[in-house]
N, C-alpha and C. Protein backbone atom coordinates (compact mmCIF):
# COMPACT_ATOMS: atom_id res chain seq x y z
N MET A 1 74.12 119.02 87.96
CA MET A 1 74.38 118.76 86.56
C MET A 1 73.14 119.09 85.70
N LEU A 2 71.99 118.55 86.11
CA LEU A 2 70.76 118.80 85.37
C LEU A 2 70.41 120.28 85.38
N GLN A 3 70.62 120.94 86.52
CA GLN A 3 70.34 122.38 86.61
C GLN A 3 71.23 123.15 85.65
N SER A 4 72.46 122.77 85.54
CA SER A 4 73.39 123.44 84.64
C SER A 4 72.95 123.29 83.19
N VAL A 5 72.54 122.10 82.82
CA VAL A 5 72.08 121.84 81.46
C VAL A 5 70.82 122.66 81.17
N LEU A 6 69.90 122.67 82.11
CA LEU A 6 68.66 123.43 81.93
C LEU A 6 68.95 124.92 81.84
N ARG A 7 69.85 125.41 82.69
CA ARG A 7 70.19 126.83 82.69
C ARG A 7 70.81 127.22 81.34
N HIS A 8 71.74 126.41 80.84
CA HIS A 8 72.36 126.72 79.56
C HIS A 8 71.35 126.63 78.41
N GLY A 9 70.46 125.66 78.50
CA GLY A 9 69.42 125.54 77.48
C GLY A 9 68.49 126.73 77.47
N LEU A 10 68.12 127.20 78.65
CA LEU A 10 67.24 128.36 78.77
C LEU A 10 67.93 129.61 78.25
N ILE A 11 69.18 129.78 78.59
CA ILE A 11 69.93 130.94 78.10
C ILE A 11 70.03 130.90 76.58
N GLY A 12 70.31 129.76 76.02
CA GLY A 12 70.37 129.63 74.55
C GLY A 12 69.04 129.95 73.90
N LEU A 13 67.98 129.46 74.50
CA LEU A 13 66.64 129.73 73.96
C LEU A 13 66.33 131.22 74.01
N LEU A 14 66.67 131.86 75.10
CA LEU A 14 66.41 133.30 75.22
C LEU A 14 67.23 134.10 74.21
N LEU A 15 68.41 133.62 73.87
CA LEU A 15 69.24 134.34 72.92
C LEU A 15 68.75 134.22 71.48
N ILE A 16 68.18 133.07 71.12
CA ILE A 16 67.74 132.89 69.73
C ILE A 16 66.29 133.31 69.50
N THR A 17 65.48 133.37 70.53
CA THR A 17 64.06 133.69 70.36
C THR A 17 63.84 135.04 69.68
N PRO A 18 64.53 136.14 70.05
CA PRO A 18 64.29 137.40 69.35
C PRO A 18 64.61 137.32 67.87
N ALA A 19 65.58 136.55 67.49
CA ALA A 19 65.93 136.42 66.08
C ALA A 19 64.83 135.70 65.30
N LEU A 20 64.12 134.83 65.97
CA LEU A 20 63.07 134.06 65.31
C LEU A 20 61.74 134.81 65.28
N ALA A 21 61.54 135.69 66.21
CA ALA A 21 60.27 136.40 66.32
C ALA A 21 60.28 137.66 65.46
N ALA A 22 59.22 137.84 64.71
CA ALA A 22 59.08 139.05 63.90
C ALA A 22 58.71 140.22 64.81
N THR A 23 59.19 141.40 64.44
CA THR A 23 58.80 142.58 65.20
C THR A 23 57.31 142.86 64.96
N ARG A 24 56.77 143.70 65.81
CA ARG A 24 55.34 144.06 65.65
C ARG A 24 55.12 144.75 64.32
N ALA A 25 56.05 145.62 63.91
CA ALA A 25 55.91 146.29 62.61
C ALA A 25 55.91 145.28 61.48
N GLU A 26 56.81 144.29 61.55
CA GLU A 26 56.85 143.26 60.51
C GLU A 26 55.56 142.46 60.48
N GLN A 27 55.01 142.15 61.64
CA GLN A 27 53.75 141.40 61.72
C GLN A 27 52.61 142.21 61.12
N ARG A 28 52.56 143.51 61.45
CA ARG A 28 51.50 144.36 60.88
C ARG A 28 51.68 144.51 59.37
N GLY A 29 52.94 144.62 58.92
CA GLY A 29 53.21 144.71 57.49
C GLY A 29 52.79 143.46 56.75
N LYS A 30 53.04 142.32 57.35
CA LYS A 30 52.62 141.06 56.72
C LYS A 30 51.09 140.98 56.67
N ALA A 31 50.44 141.42 57.74
CA ALA A 31 48.97 141.42 57.76
C ALA A 31 48.43 142.35 56.68
N PHE A 32 49.06 143.52 56.50
CA PHE A 32 48.64 144.43 55.45
C PHE A 32 48.83 143.77 54.08
N ALA A 33 49.97 143.15 53.86
CA ALA A 33 50.23 142.48 52.58
C ALA A 33 49.23 141.35 52.35
N ARG A 34 48.93 140.61 53.40
CA ARG A 34 47.96 139.50 53.26
C ARG A 34 46.59 140.05 52.87
N ALA A 35 46.18 141.16 53.48
CA ALA A 35 44.86 141.73 53.23
C ALA A 35 44.76 142.46 51.90
N ASN A 36 45.86 143.07 51.45
CA ASN A 36 45.79 143.96 50.29
C ASN A 36 46.56 143.50 49.06
N CYS A 37 47.49 142.57 49.23
CA CYS A 37 48.37 142.20 48.11
C CYS A 37 48.26 140.72 47.71
N ALA A 38 47.89 139.87 48.67
CA ALA A 38 47.98 138.42 48.47
C ALA A 38 47.02 137.86 47.43
N ASN A 39 45.99 138.61 47.05
CA ASN A 39 45.09 138.09 46.01
C ASN A 39 45.80 137.96 44.68
N CYS A 40 46.85 138.75 44.48
CA CYS A 40 47.57 138.72 43.21
C CYS A 40 49.05 138.35 43.37
N HIS A 41 49.69 138.85 44.44
CA HIS A 41 51.13 138.67 44.63
C HIS A 41 51.42 137.61 45.68
N ALA A 42 52.50 136.85 45.47
CA ALA A 42 53.02 136.00 46.54
C ALA A 42 53.60 136.94 47.59
N ILE A 43 53.29 136.70 48.86
CA ILE A 43 53.75 137.60 49.91
C ILE A 43 54.77 136.93 50.82
N ASP A 44 55.21 135.73 50.48
CA ASP A 44 56.20 135.04 51.31
C ASP A 44 57.44 134.74 50.49
N ARG A 45 58.30 133.90 51.02
CA ARG A 45 59.58 133.62 50.37
C ARG A 45 59.51 132.50 49.34
N VAL A 46 58.43 131.74 49.28
CA VAL A 46 58.44 130.55 48.43
C VAL A 46 57.25 130.40 47.49
N SER A 47 56.11 130.97 47.81
CA SER A 47 54.89 130.74 47.03
C SER A 47 54.94 131.41 45.67
N ARG A 48 54.14 130.88 44.77
CA ARG A 48 53.94 131.52 43.46
C ARG A 48 52.82 132.53 43.60
N SER A 49 52.90 133.58 42.81
CA SER A 49 51.84 134.59 42.83
C SER A 49 50.56 134.00 42.23
N PRO A 50 49.41 134.24 42.87
CA PRO A 50 48.16 133.75 42.32
C PRO A 50 47.88 134.30 40.91
N LEU A 51 48.26 135.55 40.67
CA LEU A 51 48.13 136.15 39.34
C LEU A 51 49.50 136.04 38.68
N GLU A 52 49.58 135.32 37.61
CA GLU A 52 50.86 134.98 36.99
C GLU A 52 51.73 136.21 36.67
N ASP A 53 51.11 137.30 36.25
CA ASP A 53 51.87 138.50 35.89
C ASP A 53 52.26 139.37 37.09
N ALA A 54 51.77 139.05 38.26
CA ALA A 54 52.07 139.84 39.46
C ALA A 54 53.37 139.34 40.08
N PRO A 55 54.38 140.19 40.17
CA PRO A 55 55.65 139.71 40.73
C PRO A 55 55.53 139.41 42.23
N PRO A 56 56.21 138.37 42.68
CA PRO A 56 56.22 138.11 44.13
C PRO A 56 56.84 139.30 44.87
N LEU A 57 56.31 139.62 46.03
CA LEU A 57 56.85 140.74 46.81
C LEU A 57 58.31 140.50 47.19
N ARG A 58 58.71 139.24 47.31
CA ARG A 58 60.09 138.93 47.68
C ARG A 58 61.10 139.38 46.63
N ASN A 59 60.63 139.68 45.42
CA ASN A 59 61.53 140.10 44.34
C ASN A 59 61.60 141.62 44.18
N LEU A 60 60.80 142.37 44.92
CA LEU A 60 60.80 143.82 44.77
C LEU A 60 62.17 144.44 44.98
N HIS A 61 62.93 143.91 45.93
CA HIS A 61 64.24 144.50 46.23
C HIS A 61 65.22 144.33 45.07
N ARG A 62 64.93 143.45 44.15
CA ARG A 62 65.79 143.29 42.96
C ARG A 62 65.58 144.43 41.97
N ARG A 63 64.41 145.04 42.03
CA ARG A 63 64.09 146.14 41.11
C ARG A 63 64.22 147.50 41.75
N TYR A 64 63.95 147.57 43.06
CA TYR A 64 63.93 148.85 43.77
C TYR A 64 64.56 148.66 45.15
N PRO A 65 65.37 149.62 45.60
CA PRO A 65 65.78 149.55 47.01
C PRO A 65 64.52 149.72 47.88
N ILE A 66 64.33 148.83 48.81
CA ILE A 66 63.10 148.84 49.63
C ILE A 66 62.90 150.19 50.30
N GLU A 67 63.98 150.81 50.79
CA GLU A 67 63.86 152.09 51.46
C GLU A 67 63.29 153.17 50.53
N SER A 68 63.54 153.04 49.23
CA SER A 68 63.07 154.06 48.28
C SER A 68 61.58 153.93 47.98
N LEU A 69 60.96 152.86 48.39
CA LEU A 69 59.53 152.66 48.11
C LEU A 69 58.64 153.49 49.02
N GLY A 70 59.17 153.99 50.11
CA GLY A 70 58.36 154.75 51.06
C GLY A 70 57.68 155.95 50.43
N GLU A 71 58.42 156.70 49.64
CA GLU A 71 57.85 157.89 49.00
C GLU A 71 56.75 157.50 48.02
N ALA A 72 56.99 156.46 47.24
CA ALA A 72 55.97 156.01 46.28
C ALA A 72 54.72 155.54 47.00
N LEU A 73 54.88 154.85 48.13
CA LEU A 73 53.72 154.39 48.89
C LEU A 73 52.96 155.56 49.51
N ALA A 74 53.67 156.61 49.90
CA ALA A 74 53.02 157.78 50.48
C ALA A 74 52.23 158.56 49.43
N GLU A 75 52.80 158.66 48.24
CA GLU A 75 52.14 159.41 47.16
C GLU A 75 51.04 158.60 46.51
N GLY A 76 51.16 157.31 46.57
CA GLY A 76 50.16 156.42 45.98
C GLY A 76 50.78 155.57 44.90
N ILE A 77 50.42 154.30 44.91
CA ILE A 77 50.88 153.36 43.88
C ILE A 77 49.79 153.29 42.83
N TYR A 78 50.13 153.68 41.63
CA TYR A 78 49.21 153.61 40.50
C TYR A 78 49.91 152.87 39.39
N THR A 79 49.24 151.93 38.78
CA THR A 79 49.86 151.15 37.72
C THR A 79 49.14 151.38 36.40
N GLY A 80 49.74 150.88 35.36
CA GLY A 80 49.18 151.04 34.03
C GLY A 80 48.11 150.01 33.69
N HIS A 81 47.75 149.17 34.63
CA HIS A 81 46.70 148.20 34.34
C HIS A 81 45.60 148.28 35.40
N ALA A 82 44.40 147.93 34.98
CA ALA A 82 43.22 148.13 35.84
C ALA A 82 43.11 147.09 36.95
N ASP A 83 43.81 145.97 36.84
CA ASP A 83 43.67 144.92 37.85
C ASP A 83 44.22 145.32 39.21
N MET A 84 45.23 146.18 39.23
CA MET A 84 45.83 146.56 40.51
C MET A 84 45.17 147.84 41.02
N PRO A 85 44.62 147.76 42.23
CA PRO A 85 43.99 148.97 42.79
C PRO A 85 45.04 150.00 43.17
N ALA A 86 44.63 151.25 43.23
CA ALA A 86 45.51 152.34 43.68
C ALA A 86 45.60 152.28 45.20
N PHE A 87 46.79 152.54 45.72
CA PHE A 87 47.02 152.52 47.16
C PHE A 87 47.67 153.82 47.59
N GLU A 88 47.21 154.38 48.69
CA GLU A 88 47.89 155.47 49.38
C GLU A 88 47.94 155.05 50.84
N LEU A 89 49.14 154.86 51.36
CA LEU A 89 49.31 154.35 52.71
C LEU A 89 49.66 155.47 53.68
N SER A 90 49.28 155.27 54.92
CA SER A 90 49.65 156.20 55.99
C SER A 90 51.13 155.98 56.33
N PRO A 91 51.75 156.94 57.00
CA PRO A 91 53.15 156.74 57.41
C PRO A 91 53.37 155.47 58.24
N ASP A 92 52.45 155.15 59.14
CA ASP A 92 52.59 153.92 59.93
C ASP A 92 52.47 152.68 59.06
N GLN A 93 51.53 152.68 58.12
CA GLN A 93 51.39 151.54 57.22
C GLN A 93 52.63 151.37 56.35
N ILE A 94 53.20 152.48 55.91
CA ILE A 94 54.42 152.43 55.09
C ILE A 94 55.55 151.80 55.90
N HIS A 95 55.73 152.27 57.12
CA HIS A 95 56.78 151.72 57.97
C HIS A 95 56.60 150.21 58.16
N ASP A 96 55.37 149.81 58.45
CA ASP A 96 55.10 148.39 58.68
C ASP A 96 55.34 147.56 57.43
N LEU A 97 54.84 148.01 56.29
CA LEU A 97 55.00 147.25 55.06
C LEU A 97 56.46 147.18 54.65
N LEU A 98 57.19 148.27 54.75
CA LEU A 98 58.62 148.24 54.41
C LEU A 98 59.39 147.34 55.37
N SER A 99 59.01 147.35 56.64
CA SER A 99 59.66 146.45 57.61
C SER A 99 59.45 145.00 57.20
N TYR A 100 58.24 144.69 56.77
CA TYR A 100 57.97 143.31 56.32
C TYR A 100 58.72 142.99 55.04
N LEU A 101 58.70 143.90 54.06
CA LEU A 101 59.38 143.63 52.79
C LEU A 101 60.87 143.39 52.99
N LYS A 102 61.47 144.06 53.95
CA LYS A 102 62.89 143.84 54.24
C LYS A 102 63.17 142.43 54.71
N THR A 103 62.18 141.80 55.35
CA THR A 103 62.39 140.42 55.81
C THR A 103 62.42 139.43 54.64
N LEU A 104 61.93 139.87 53.49
CA LEU A 104 61.87 138.98 52.32
C LEU A 104 63.12 139.04 51.45
N GLU A 105 64.01 139.99 51.74
CA GLU A 105 65.22 140.15 50.92
C GLU A 105 66.12 138.93 51.03
């Protein structure tokens, strides 16, 4: 009886663990966002942006399809204000950051 309960519990745990674990690309994307975006933008699902005028990254998908941001990230993100630095990301960084941004939708 106890073995059956443990076996079913282990199987259930194994089935839900991948859903709870972020992929490596998502983890790298979050690390990139933490290192390069978090000084101004909220990078999670609940926090307020440290810079009031900086939109939370979780809201980007409301303005732009996340998949369409890849080209802009490859060419470089340049804004009309001096507070935001210019960014040009490598293809791997773009993949990682977009993977993370999709988790915030």
